[in-house]
Amino acid sequence: RYRDFFYSPRCWCPMRPQRPSEAPPSTSPRKNPPTDVLSRPHPVAQPMRWLILLVGFACIGTFALHTGVRNAKKHNGRIAIAALNEEYEAKQRQLQEFGPPAEQKNKDPRKYIKWKQISKKPRVFYLERLLNDQEADRLVELAEPHIERSKVVGAKGADTEASDRTSRGMFLQAPEQVSDPAVIGVRARVAGFIELPEENIEAVQILRYGPGEQYRPHHDWFGREFTSILARGGQRRASCLTWLNQPKAGGGTSFPMVNLEVPAKKLDAVCWFNMDEAGNDDPLSQHAGLPVGANSTKWVAVLWIREQKFT
């Protein structure tokens, strides 16, 4: 009975009166009720209708909730993927702009920097592209406002101006300079290449040589009489110089005692040991900064590496 009612028009439109002509012909008075009876709604029509509507809305709500959760998961997944891509791109930008990222600074630079030994006595090495253009420009930018006439260590251990050294320069030792990615990168690579701890490196010195300026032949190691200087980390075991620009003429580094000259080339570097393998001061490590040509300027970064931690 109820199944037949469910599929009948009276379930969905119970208030529509049914004309006598629509009633099926029958000879039984029980199957042909009066017209006013047919116009009345069935007792279960209204509850059934609300039940069907309630179930329908529940299904729609469940579907919408499921779809929303699924879309939210997809959205969150896209955000996570975008974050990972952004992090990867940031590391790639750091690699391009400031050399190896921080987590690679303890890896051996000899494996990703092209280098060759150009002298055995003294031990001199030539490194190609120790820096990149962005690092070189950044180092010059940090130093240029603060440069002043370069000095040398005098006979009494005090800094003094000398005609043998005519450049201008400064040390990158302020906290904001030491923490700069360009400074961190060059220090880490030099320490890794020389195979000495980074804490042994003195503050990076930036030098500018104008036309005709030079640094005549000298040694980087200190005489044994300079006890106060040696007490800050021992002897300067090694030195490293890298060119931050390309001079139009001159500006190379020479080792006159072994007739070796290294021409200036932007971003490349020359590193050498001031002490021999026995740990003695090496006189053959004498070197000079050659004069810069006319209408030209040379910018270099110099790093000195001590035997122990520099203080």
C-alpha atoms as a PDB file:
ATOM      1  CA  ARG A   1       0.000   0.000   0.000  1.00  0.00           C
ATOM      2  CA  TYR A   2       2.666   2.526   0.997  1.00  0.00           C
ATOM      3  CA  ARG A   3       4.873   1.564  -1.929  1.00  0.00           C
ATOM      4  CA  ASP A   4       2.040   2.282  -4.311  1.00  0.00           C
ATOM      5  CA  PHE A   5       1.390   5.528  -2.500  1.00  0.00           C
ATOM      6  CA  PHE A   6       5.050   6.587  -2.732  1.00  0.00           C
ATOM      7  CA  TYR A   7       4.970   6.323  -6.492  1.00  0.00           C
ATOM      8  CA  SER A   8       1.566   7.980  -6.807  1.00  0.00           C
ATOM      9  CA  PRO A   9       0.962  11.702  -7.534  1.00  0.00           C
ATOM     10  CA  ARG A  10      -0.780  12.098  -4.183  1.00  0.00           C
ATOM     11  CA  CYS A  11       2.524  11.678  -2.333  1.00  0.00           C
ATOM     12  CA  TRP A  12       4.090  14.688  -4.048  1.00  0.00           C
ATOM     13  CA  CYS A  13       1.035  16.779  -4.771  1.00  0.00           C
ATOM     14  CA  PRO A  14      -1.431  15.623  -2.120  1.00  0.00           C
ATOM     15  CA  MET A  15      -3.503  18.821  -2.136  1.00  0.00           C
ATOM     16  CA  ARG A  16      -4.430  18.620  -5.810  1.00  0.00           C
ATOM     17  CA  PRO A  17      -8.012  17.385  -6.008  1.00  0.00           C
ATOM     18  CA  GLN A  18      -8.538  14.405  -8.210  1.00  0.00           C
ATOM     19  CA  ARG A  19     -11.427  14.697 -10.603  1.00  0.00           C
ATOM     20  CA  PRO A  20     -13.823  11.783 -10.760  1.00  0.00           C
ATOM     21  CA  SER A  21     -12.939  11.281 -14.398  1.00  0.00           C
ATOM     22  CA  GLU A  22      -9.322  10.486 -13.339  1.00  0.00           C
ATOM     23  CA  ALA A  23     -10.372   7.703 -11.032  1.00  0.00           C
ATOM     24  CA  PRO A  24     -10.072   4.256 -12.525  1.00  0.00           C
ATOM     25  CA  PRO A  25     -13.391   2.651 -13.333  1.00  0.00           C
ATOM     26  CA  SER A  26     -14.514   0.178 -10.764  1.00  0.00           C
ATOM     27  CA  THR A  27     -17.703  -1.474  -9.734  1.00  0.00           C
ATOM     28  CA  SER A  28     -16.696  -1.621  -6.089  1.00  0.00           C
ATOM     29  CA  PRO A  29     -17.864   1.304  -3.926  1.00  0.00           C
ATOM     30  CA  ARG A  30     -14.750   0.798  -1.727  1.00  0.00           C
ATOM     31  CA  LYS A  31     -12.487   1.590  -4.676  1.00  0.00           C
ATOM     32  CA  ASN A  32     -14.462   4.666  -5.696  1.00  0.00           C
ATOM     33  CA  PRO A  33     -14.497   6.915  -2.622  1.00  0.00           C
ATOM     34  CA  PRO A  34     -16.240  10.256  -2.737  1.00  0.00           C
ATOM     35  CA  THR A  35     -14.476  13.206  -4.379  1.00  0.00           C
ATOM     36  CA  ASP A  36     -13.951  15.097  -1.103  1.00  0.00           C
ATOM     37  CA  VAL A  37     -12.029  12.136   0.234  1.00  0.00           C
ATOM     38  CA  LEU A  38      -9.683  12.178  -2.753  1.00  0.00           C
ATOM     39  CA  SER A  39      -8.945  15.860  -2.202  1.00  0.00           C
ATOM     40  CA  ARG A  40      -7.648  15.323   1.306  1.00  0.00           C
ATOM     41  CA  PRO A  41      -3.874  14.614   1.778  1.00  0.00           C
ATOM     42  CA  HIS A  42      -2.703  11.228   2.806  1.00  0.00           C
ATOM     43  CA  PRO A  43      -1.837  11.004   6.531  1.00  0.00           C
ATOM     44  CA  VAL A  44       1.867  10.168   5.852  1.00  0.00           C
ATOM     45  CA  ALA A  45       2.375  12.529   2.907  1.00  0.00           C
ATOM     46  CA  GLN A  46       3.637  15.542   4.859  1.00  0.00           C
ATOM     47  CA  PRO A  47       6.052  13.636   7.168  1.00  0.00           C
ATOM     48  CA  MET A  48       7.344  11.677   4.197  1.00  0.00           C
ATOM     49  CA  ARG A  49       7.994  14.815   2.242  1.00  0.00           C
ATOM     50  CA  TRP A  50       9.959  16.415   5.068  1.00  0.00           C
ATOM     51  CA  LEU A  51      11.909  13.214   5.610  1.00  0.00           C
ATOM     52  CA  ILE A  52      12.895  13.089   1.952  1.00  0.00           C
ATOM     53  CA  LEU A  53      13.919  16.755   2.002  1.00  0.00           C
ATOM     54  CA  LEU A  54      15.932  16.216   5.200  1.00  0.00           C
ATOM     55  CA  VAL A  55      17.756  13.229   3.738  1.00  0.00           C
ATOM     56  CA  GLY A  56      18.426  15.194   0.540  1.00  0.00           C
ATOM     57  CA  PHE A  57      19.876  18.160   2.388  1.00  0.00           C
ATOM     58  CA  ALA A  58      21.966  15.819   4.545  1.00  0.00           C
ATOM     59  CA  CYS A  59      23.411  14.191   1.427  1.00  0.00           C
ATOM     60  CA  ILE A  60      24.129  17.570  -0.138  1.00  0.00           C
ATOM     61  CA  GLY A  61      25.786  18.805   3.063  1.00  0.00           C
ATOM     62  CA  THR A  62      27.908  15.666   3.379  1.00  0.00           C
ATOM     63  CA  PHE A  63      29.013  15.942  -0.240  1.00  0.00           C
ATOM     64  CA  ALA A  64      29.841  19.629   0.162  1.00  0.00           C
ATOM     65  CA  LEU A  65      31.814  18.970   3.355  1.00  0.00           C
ATOM     66  CA  HIS A  66      33.743  16.123   1.732  1.00  0.00           C
ATOM     67  CA  THR A  67      34.467  18.249  -1.320  1.00  0.00           C
ATOM     68  CA  GLY A  68      35.604  21.152   0.853  1.00  0.00           C
ATOM     69  CA  VAL A  69      37.946  18.973   2.893  1.00  0.00           C
ATOM     70  CA  ARG A  70      39.365  17.418  -0.256  1.00  0.00           C
ATOM     71  CA  ASN A  71      39.899  20.820  -1.852  1.00  0.00           C
ATOM     72  CA  ALA A  72      41.483  22.118   1.363  1.00  0.00           C
ATOM     73  CA  LYS A  73      43.922  19.217   1.370  1.00  0.00           C
ATOM     74  CA  LYS A  74      44.784  19.906  -2.257  1.00  0.00           C
ATOM     75  CA  HIS A  75      45.230  23.602  -1.467  1.00  0.00           C
ATOM     76  CA  ASN A  76      47.451  22.871   1.526  1.00  0.00           C
ATOM     77  CA  GLY A  77      49.425  20.453  -0.608  1.00  0.00           C
ATOM     78  CA  ARG A  78      49.924  23.115  -3.236  1.00  0.00           C
ATOM     79  CA  ILE A  79      51.079  25.543  -0.532  1.00  0.00           C
ATOM     80  CA  ALA A  80      53.554  22.986   0.823  1.00  0.00           C
ATOM     81  CA  ILE A  81      54.900  22.267  -2.655  1.00  0.00           C
ATOM     82  CA  ALA A  82      55.177  25.999  -3.363  1.00  0.00           C
ATOM     83  CA  ALA A  83      57.081  26.480  -0.088  1.00  0.00           C
ATOM     84  CA  LEU A  84      59.490  23.696  -0.979  1.00  0.00           C
ATOM     85  CA  ASN A  85      59.987  25.156  -4.448  1.00  0.00           C
ATOM     86  CA  GLU A  86      60.604  28.601  -2.974  1.00  0.00           C
ATOM     87  CA  GLU A  87      63.150  27.187  -0.530  1.00  0.00           C
ATOM     88  CA  TYR A  88      64.916  25.347  -3.348  1.00  0.00           C
ATOM     89  CA  GLU A  89      64.956  28.463  -5.532  1.00  0.00           C
ATOM     90  CA  ALA A  90      66.322  30.508  -2.613  1.00  0.00           C
ATOM     91  CA  LYS A  91      69.182  28.050  -2.196  1.00  0.00           C
ATOM     92  CA  GLN A  92      69.855  28.171  -5.919  1.00  0.00           C
ATOM     93  CA  ARG A  93      69.922  31.981  -5.827  1.00  0.00           C
ATOM     94  CA  GLN A  94      72.305  31.847  -2.883  1.00  0.00           C
ATOM     95  CA  LEU A  95      74.491  29.407  -4.766  1.00  0.00           C
ATOM     96  CA  GLN A  96      74.568  31.709  -7.791  1.00  0.00           C
ATOM     97  CA  GLU A  97      75.006  34.971  -5.890  1.00  0.00           C
ATOM     98  CA  PHE A  98      77.102  34.012  -2.887  1.00  0.00           C
ATOM     99  CA  GLY A  99      78.728  30.710  -3.780  1.00  0.00           C
ATOM    100  CA  PRO A 100      77.942  27.497  -1.869  1.00  0.00           C
ATOM    101  CA  PRO A 101      75.116  27.742   0.703  1.00  0.00           C
ATOM    102  CA  ALA A 102      75.893  27.710   4.397  1.00  0.00           C
ATOM    103  CA  GLU A 103      75.435  23.943   4.799  1.00  0.00           C
ATOM    104  CA  GLN A 104      78.196  23.359   2.206  1.00  0.00           C
ATOM    105  CA  LYS A 105      80.778  25.637   3.760  1.00  0.00           C
ATOM    106  CA  ASN A 106      82.549  22.715   5.477  1.00  0.00           C
ATOM    107  CA  LYS A 107      82.861  20.711   2.264  1.00  0.00           C
ATOM    108  CA  ASP A 108      86.190  20.595   0.477  1.00  0.00           C
ATOM    109  CA  PRO A 109      86.384  23.555  -1.967  1.00  0.00           C
ATOM    110  CA  ARG A 110      89.052  21.652  -3.894  1.00  0.00           C
ATOM    111  CA  LYS A 111      86.212  19.518  -5.259  1.00  0.00           C
ATOM    112  CA  TYR A 112      84.136  22.338  -6.724  1.00  0.00           C
ATOM    113  CA  ILE A 113      86.757  25.029  -7.455  1.00  0.00           C
ATOM    114  CA  LYS A 114      89.099  24.590 -10.393  1.00  0.00           C
ATOM    115  CA  TRP A 115      92.685  25.083  -9.236  1.00  0.00           C
ATOM    116  CA  LYS A 116      96.273  24.205 -10.030  1.00  0.00           C
ATOM    117  CA  GLN A 117      99.634  24.431  -8.303  1.00  0.00           C
ATOM    118  CA  ILE A 118     101.891  26.841 -10.168  1.00  0.00           C
ATOM    119  CA  SER A 119     104.939  26.597  -7.891  1.00  0.00           C
ATOM    120  CA  LYS A 120     106.310  23.977  -5.509  1.00  0.00           C
ATOM    121  CA  LYS A 121     108.851  26.219  -3.766  1.00  0.00           C
ATOM    122  CA  PRO A 122     107.220  28.291  -2.536  1.00  0.00           C
ATOM    123  CA  ARG A 123     103.889  26.477  -2.617  1.00  0.00           C
ATOM    124  CA  VAL A 124     101.666  28.685  -4.781  1.00  0.00           C
ATOM    125  CA  PHE A 125      98.201  27.798  -6.080  1.00  0.00           C
ATOM    126  CA  TYR A 126      96.005  29.461  -8.675  1.00  0.00           C
ATOM    127  CA  LEU A 127      92.226  29.268  -8.153  1.00  0.00           C
ATOM    128  CA  GLU A 128      89.699  30.028 -10.880  1.00  0.00           C
ATOM    129  CA  ARG A 129      86.534  31.870  -9.870  1.00  0.00           C
ATOM    130  CA  LEU A 130      86.960  31.766  -6.132  1.00  0.00           C
ATOM    131  CA  LEU A 131      84.216  34.413  -6.126  1.00  0.00           C
ATOM    132  CA  ASN A 132      81.424  35.425  -8.453  1.00  0.00           C
ATOM    133  CA  ASP A 133      80.459  38.872  -9.702  1.00  0.00           C
ATOM    134  CA  GLN A 134      77.842  39.494  -7.025  1.00  0.00           C
ATOM    135  CA  GLU A 135      80.250  38.621  -4.209  1.00  0.00           C
ATOM    136  CA  ALA A 136      83.031  40.762  -5.648  1.00  0.00           C
ATOM    137  CA  ASP A 137      80.745  43.760  -6.057  1.00  0.00           C
ATOM    138  CA  ARG A 138      79.373  43.264  -2.550  1.00  0.00           C
ATOM    139  CA  LEU A 139      82.840  43.229  -0.972  1.00  0.00           C
ATOM    140  CA  VAL A 140      83.738  46.465  -2.754  1.00  0.00           C
ATOM    141  CA  GLU A 141      80.428  47.993  -1.676  1.00  0.00           C
ATOM    142  CA  LEU A 142      81.090  47.119   1.976  1.00  0.00           C
ATOM    143  CA  ALA A 143      84.598  48.551   1.972  1.00  0.00           C
ATOM    144  CA  GLU A 144      84.536  51.609  -0.299  1.00  0.00           C
ATOM    145  CA  PRO A 145      83.057  54.138   2.163  1.00  0.00           C
ATOM    146  CA  HIS A 146      85.661  53.266   4.825  1.00  0.00           C
ATOM    147  CA  ILE A 147      88.987  52.918   3.019  1.00  0.00           C
ATOM    148  CA  GLU A 148      92.021  54.896   4.164  1.00  0.00           C
ATOM    149  CA  ARG A 149      95.741  54.879   3.507  1.00  0.00           C
ATOM    150  CA  SER A 150      97.220  51.400   3.995  1.00  0.00           C
ATOM    151  CA  LYS A 151      99.870  50.850   6.648  1.00  0.00           C
ATOM    152  CA  VAL A 152     102.596  48.331   7.426  1.00  0.00           C
ATOM    153  CA  VAL A 153     103.965  46.969  10.694  1.00  0.00           C
ATOM    154  CA  GLY A 154     106.888  49.179  11.690  1.00  0.00           C
ATOM    155  CA  ALA A 155     110.115  48.225  13.392  1.00  0.00           C
ATOM    156  CA  LYS A 156     108.533  48.641  16.829  1.00  0.00           C
ATOM    157  CA  GLY A 157     105.402  46.692  15.950  1.00  0.00           C
ATOM    158  CA  ALA A 158     103.198  49.738  15.394  1.00  0.00           C
ATOM    159  CA  ASP A 159     101.249  50.382  12.213  1.00  0.00           C
ATOM    160  CA  THR A 160     102.801  53.088  10.085  1.00  0.00           C
ATOM    161  CA  GLU A 161     102.561  54.445   6.556  1.00  0.00           C
ATOM    162  CA  ALA A 162     105.318  53.473   4.143  1.00  0.00           C
ATOM    163  CA  SER A 163     106.288  54.416   0.610  1.00  0.00           C
ATOM    164  CA  ASP A 164     106.559  50.729  -0.281  1.00  0.00           C
ATOM    165  CA  ARG A 165     102.804  50.358   0.125  1.00  0.00           C
ATOM    166  CA  THR A 166     100.689  53.045  -1.516  1.00  0.00           C
ATOM    167  CA  SER A 167      97.249  51.472  -1.581  1.00  0.00           C
ATOM    168  CA  ARG A 168      94.155  52.355   0.439  1.00  0.00           C
ATOM    169  CA  GLY A 169      92.113  49.785   2.328  1.00  0.00           C
ATOM    170  CA  MET A 170      90.184  48.623   5.373  1.00  0.00           C
ATOM    171  CA  PHE A 171      89.318  45.479   7.355  1.00  0.00           C
ATOM    172  CA  LEU A 172      85.830  43.956   7.267  1.00  0.00           C
ATOM    173  CA  GLN A 173      85.488  43.350  10.985  1.00  0.00           C
ATOM    174  CA  ALA A 174      82.270  45.096  12.050  1.00  0.00           C
ATOM    175  CA  PRO A 175      79.504  42.641  13.095  1.00  0.00           C
ATOM    176  CA  GLU A 176      77.288  43.524  10.132  1.00  0.00           C
ATOM    177  CA  GLN A 177      80.251  43.039   7.791  1.00  0.00           C
ATOM    178  CA  VAL A 178      81.419  39.746   9.265  1.00  0.00           C
ATOM    179  CA  SER A 179      77.898  38.340   9.004  1.00  0.00           C
ATOM    180  CA  ASP A 180      77.474  39.342   5.352  1.00  0.00           C
ATOM    181  CA  PRO A 181      77.004  36.297   3.054  1.00  0.00           C
ATOM    182  CA  ALA A 182      79.792  37.436   0.713  1.00  0.00           C
ATOM    183  CA  VAL A 183      82.296  37.622   3.587  1.00  0.00           C
ATOM    184  CA  ILE A 184      81.130  34.309   5.032  1.00  0.00           C
ATOM    185  CA  GLY A 185      81.448  32.640   1.634  1.00  0.00           C
ATOM    186  CA  VAL A 186      84.982  33.769   0.812  1.00  0.00           C
ATOM    187  CA  ARG A 187      86.271  32.954   4.320  1.00  0.00           C
ATOM    188  CA  ALA A 188      84.760  29.475   4.253  1.00  0.00           C
ATOM    189  CA  ARG A 189      86.184  28.640   0.822  1.00  0.00           C
ATOM    190  CA  VAL A 190      89.676  29.894   1.624  1.00  0.00           C
ATOM    191  CA  ALA A 191      89.750  28.000   4.930  1.00  0.00           C
ATOM    192  CA  GLY A 192      88.597  24.826   3.197  1.00  0.00           C
ATOM    193  CA  PHE A 193      91.142  25.142   0.429  1.00  0.00           C
ATOM    194  CA  ILE A 194      94.083  25.873   2.752  1.00  0.00           C
ATOM    195  CA  GLU A 195      92.794  23.112   5.066  1.00  0.00           C
ATOM    196  CA  LEU A 196      93.004  25.209   8.201  1.00  0.00           C
ATOM    197  CA  PRO A 197      90.124  26.215  10.530  1.00  0.00           C
ATOM    198  CA  GLU A 198      88.173  29.308   9.561  1.00  0.00           C
ATOM    199  CA  GLU A 199      88.782  30.745  13.027  1.00  0.00           C
ATOM    200  CA  ASN A 200      92.476  31.057  12.092  1.00  0.00           C
ATOM    201  CA  ILE A 201      91.713  33.680   9.417  1.00  0.00           C
ATOM    202  CA  GLU A 202      92.255  37.338  10.188  1.00  0.00           C
ATOM    203  CA  ALA A 203      89.580  39.857   9.233  1.00  0.00           C
ATOM    204  CA  VAL A 204      89.226  40.159   5.459  1.00  0.00           C
ATOM    205  CA  GLN A 205      91.139  43.171   4.137  1.00  0.00           C
ATOM    206  CA  ILE A 206      89.889  45.018   1.042  1.00  0.00           C
ATOM    207  CA  LEU A 207      92.476  47.093  -0.851  1.00  0.00           C
ATOM    208  CA  ARG A 208      92.198  49.611  -3.664  1.00  0.00           C
ATOM    209  CA  TYR A 209      95.182  50.464  -5.860  1.00  0.00           C
ATOM    210  CA  GLY A 210      94.987  53.518  -8.107  1.00  0.00           C
ATOM    211  CA  PRO A 211      97.152  54.246 -11.168  1.00  0.00           C
ATOM    212  CA  GLY A 212     100.832  53.631 -10.417  1.00  0.00           C
ATOM    213  CA  GLU A 213     100.174  52.363  -6.878  1.00  0.00           C
ATOM    214  CA  GLN A 214     101.836  49.155  -5.744  1.00  0.00           C
ATOM    215  CA  TYR A 215     103.182  47.103  -2.854  1.00  0.00           C
ATOM    216  CA  ARG A 216     106.884  46.474  -3.258  1.00  0.00           C
ATOM    217  CA  PRO A 217     108.402  43.001  -2.525  1.00  0.00           C
ATOM    218  CA  HIS A 218     107.744  41.894   1.035  1.00  0.00           C
ATOM    219  CA  HIS A 219     106.941  38.865   3.198  1.00  0.00           C
ATOM    220  CA  ASP A 220     103.648  38.303   4.990  1.00  0.00           C
ATOM    221  CA  TRP A 221     105.232  36.453   7.920  1.00  0.00           C
ATOM    222  CA  PHE A 222     106.356  38.410  10.978  1.00  0.00           C
ATOM    223  CA  GLY A 223     109.808  38.488  12.482  1.00  0.00           C
ATOM    224  CA  ARG A 224     110.195  36.532  15.691  1.00  0.00           C
ATOM    225  CA  GLU A 225     110.742  39.785  17.579  1.00  0.00           C
ATOM    226  CA  PHE A 226     107.080  40.745  17.124  1.00  0.00           C
ATOM    227  CA  THR A 227     105.951  38.649  20.069  1.00  0.00           C
ATOM    228  CA  SER A 228     102.745  40.611  20.730  1.00  0.00           C
ATOM    229  CA  ILE A 229     101.563  40.073  17.142  1.00  0.00           C
ATOM    230  CA  LEU A 230     102.522  36.400  17.101  1.00  0.00           C
ATOM    231  CA  ALA A 231     100.678  35.921  20.391  1.00  0.00           C
ATOM    232  CA  ARG A 232      97.369  36.573  18.579  1.00  0.00           C
ATOM    233  CA  GLY A 233      97.454  33.289  16.653  1.00  0.00           C
ATOM    234  CA  GLY A 234     101.008  32.453  15.697  1.00  0.00           C
ATOM    235  CA  GLN A 235     102.656  33.046  12.345  1.00  0.00           C
ATOM    236  CA  ARG A 236     100.814  33.805   9.117  1.00  0.00           C
ATOM    237  CA  ARG A 237     100.976  30.321   7.694  1.00  0.00           C
ATOM    238  CA  ALA A 238      99.306  31.155   4.377  1.00  0.00           C
ATOM    239  CA  SER A 239      97.921  34.077   2.362  1.00  0.00           C
ATOM    240  CA  CYS A 240      95.236  34.344  -0.268  1.00  0.00           C
ATOM    241  CA  LEU A 241      94.532  37.247  -2.637  1.00  0.00           C
ATOM    242  CA  THR A 242      91.559  37.507  -4.985  1.00  0.00           C
ATOM    243  CA  TRP A 243      90.848  40.207  -7.569  1.00  0.00           C
ATOM    244  CA  LEU A 244      87.481  41.952  -7.239  1.00  0.00           C
ATOM    245  CA  ASN A 245      87.655  43.802 -10.564  1.00  0.00           C
ATOM    246  CA  GLN A 246      89.581  43.654 -13.820  1.00  0.00           C
ATOM    247  CA  PRO A 247      92.326  46.303 -14.065  1.00  0.00           C
ATOM    248  CA  LYS A 248      92.857  47.708 -17.546  1.00  0.00           C
ATOM    249  CA  ALA A 249      96.598  47.224 -17.155  1.00  0.00           C
ATOM    250  CA  GLY A 250      98.977  45.856 -14.515  1.00  0.00           C
ATOM    251  CA  GLY A 251      97.867  44.911 -11.037  1.00  0.00           C
ATOM    252  CA  GLY A 252      99.227  41.362 -10.969  1.00  0.00           C
ATOM    253  CA  THR A 253     101.140  39.602  -8.183  1.00  0.00           C
ATOM    254  CA  SER A 254     104.750  38.523  -8.566  1.00  0.00           C
ATOM    255  CA  PHE A 255     107.125  36.244  -6.661  1.00  0.00           C
ATOM    256  CA  PRO A 256     110.470  37.779  -7.655  1.00  0.00           C
ATOM    257  CA  MET A 257     112.707  35.184  -5.983  1.00  0.00           C
ATOM    258  CA  VAL A 258     111.330  32.424  -8.239  1.00  0.00           C
ATOM    259  CA  ASN A 259     110.602  34.622 -11.269  1.00  0.00           C
ATOM    260  CA  LEU A 260     106.864  33.974 -11.104  1.00  0.00           C
ATOM    261  CA  GLU A 261     104.205  36.490 -12.095  1.00  0.00           C
ATOM    262  CA  VAL A 262     100.446  35.956 -11.782  1.00  0.00           C
ATOM    263  CA  PRO A 263      98.395  38.358 -13.930  1.00  0.00           C
ATOM    264  CA  ALA A 264      95.321  40.011 -12.483  1.00  0.00           C
ATOM    265  CA  LYS A 265      92.027  38.375 -13.428  1.00  0.00           C
ATOM    266  CA  LYS A 266      88.720  39.278 -11.863  1.00  0.00           C
ATOM    267  CA  LEU A 267      87.231  36.650  -9.501  1.00  0.00           C
ATOM    268  CA  ASP A 268      90.341  34.439  -9.632  1.00  0.00           C
ATOM    269  CA  ALA A 269      92.731  34.086  -6.714  1.00  0.00           C
ATOM    270  CA  VAL A 270      96.286  33.191  -5.864  1.00  0.00           C
ATOM    271  CA  CYS A 271      97.080  31.454  -2.564  1.00  0.00           C
ATOM    272  CA  TRP A 272     100.482  30.604  -1.159  1.00  0.00           C
ATOM    273  CA  PHE A 273     102.137  29.311   1.985  1.00  0.00           C
ATOM    274  CA  ASN A 274     104.448  31.662   3.862  1.00  0.00           C
ATOM    275  CA  MET A 275     105.984  28.726   5.734  1.00  0.00           C
ATOM    276  CA  ASP A 276     107.628  25.649   4.307  1.00  0.00           C
ATOM    277  CA  GLU A 277     106.497  22.118   5.049  1.00  0.00           C
ATOM    278  CA  ALA A 278     108.867  21.959   8.040  1.00  0.00           C
ATOM    279  CA  GLY A 279     107.096  24.937   9.633  1.00  0.00           C
ATOM    280  CA  ASN A 280     109.865  27.482   9.054  1.00  0.00           C
ATOM    281  CA  ASP A 281     109.483  30.930   7.538  1.00  0.00           C
ATOM    282  CA  ASP A 282     109.920  30.550   3.784  1.00  0.00           C
ATOM    283  CA  PRO A 283     112.039  33.346   2.240  1.00  0.00           C
ATOM    284  CA  LEU A 284     110.950  32.255  -1.241  1.00  0.00           C
ATOM    285  CA  SER A 285     107.412  33.418  -0.412  1.00  0.00           C
ATOM    286  CA  GLN A 286     108.453  37.035  -0.943  1.00  0.00           C
ATOM    287  CA  HIS A 287     105.899  38.663  -3.240  1.00  0.00           C
ATOM    288  CA  ALA A 288     104.820  42.034  -4.594  1.00  0.00           C
ATOM    289  CA  GLY A 289     101.705  43.797  -5.786  1.00  0.00           C
ATOM    290  CA  LEU A 290     102.669  45.071  -9.228  1.00  0.00           C
ATOM    291  CA  PRO A 291     101.897  48.698 -10.217  1.00  0.00           C
ATOM    292  CA  VAL A 292      98.521  49.432 -11.714  1.00  0.00           C
ATOM    293  CA  GLY A 293      98.423  50.908 -15.216  1.00  0.00           C
ATOM    294  CA  ALA A 294      97.302  54.396 -16.146  1.00  0.00           C
ATOM    295  CA  ASN A 295      93.567  55.151 -15.931  1.00  0.00           C
ATOM    296  CA  SER A 296      93.057  51.910 -14.068  1.00  0.00           C
ATOM    297  CA  THR A 297      92.066  50.723 -10.615  1.00  0.00           C
ATOM    298  CA  LYS A 298      92.593  47.438  -8.806  1.00  0.00           C
ATOM    299  CA  TRP A 299      90.396  46.073  -6.023  1.00  0.00           C
ATOM    300  CA  VAL A 300      91.530  42.978  -4.142  1.00  0.00           C
ATOM    301  CA  ALA A 301      90.528  41.014  -1.065  1.00  0.00           C
ATOM    302  CA  VAL A 302      93.337  39.637   1.075  1.00  0.00           C
ATOM    303  CA  LEU A 303      93.048  36.880   3.669  1.00  0.00           C
ATOM    304  CA  TRP A 304      95.833  35.856   6.036  1.00  0.00           C
ATOM    305  CA  ILE A 305      95.596  32.498   7.783  1.00  0.00           C
ATOM    306  CA  ARG A 306      97.374  32.032  11.116  1.00  0.00           C
ATOM    307  CA  GLU A 307      98.748  28.851  12.674  1.00  0.00           C
ATOM    308  CA  GLN A 308      96.213  28.951  15.516  1.00  0.00           C
ATOM    309  CA  LYS A 309      92.957  30.702  16.247  1.00  0.00           C
ATOM    310  CA  PHE A 310      93.221  34.408  15.542  1.00  0.00           C
ATOM    311  CA  THR A 311      92.258  36.652  18.464  1.00  0.00           C
END
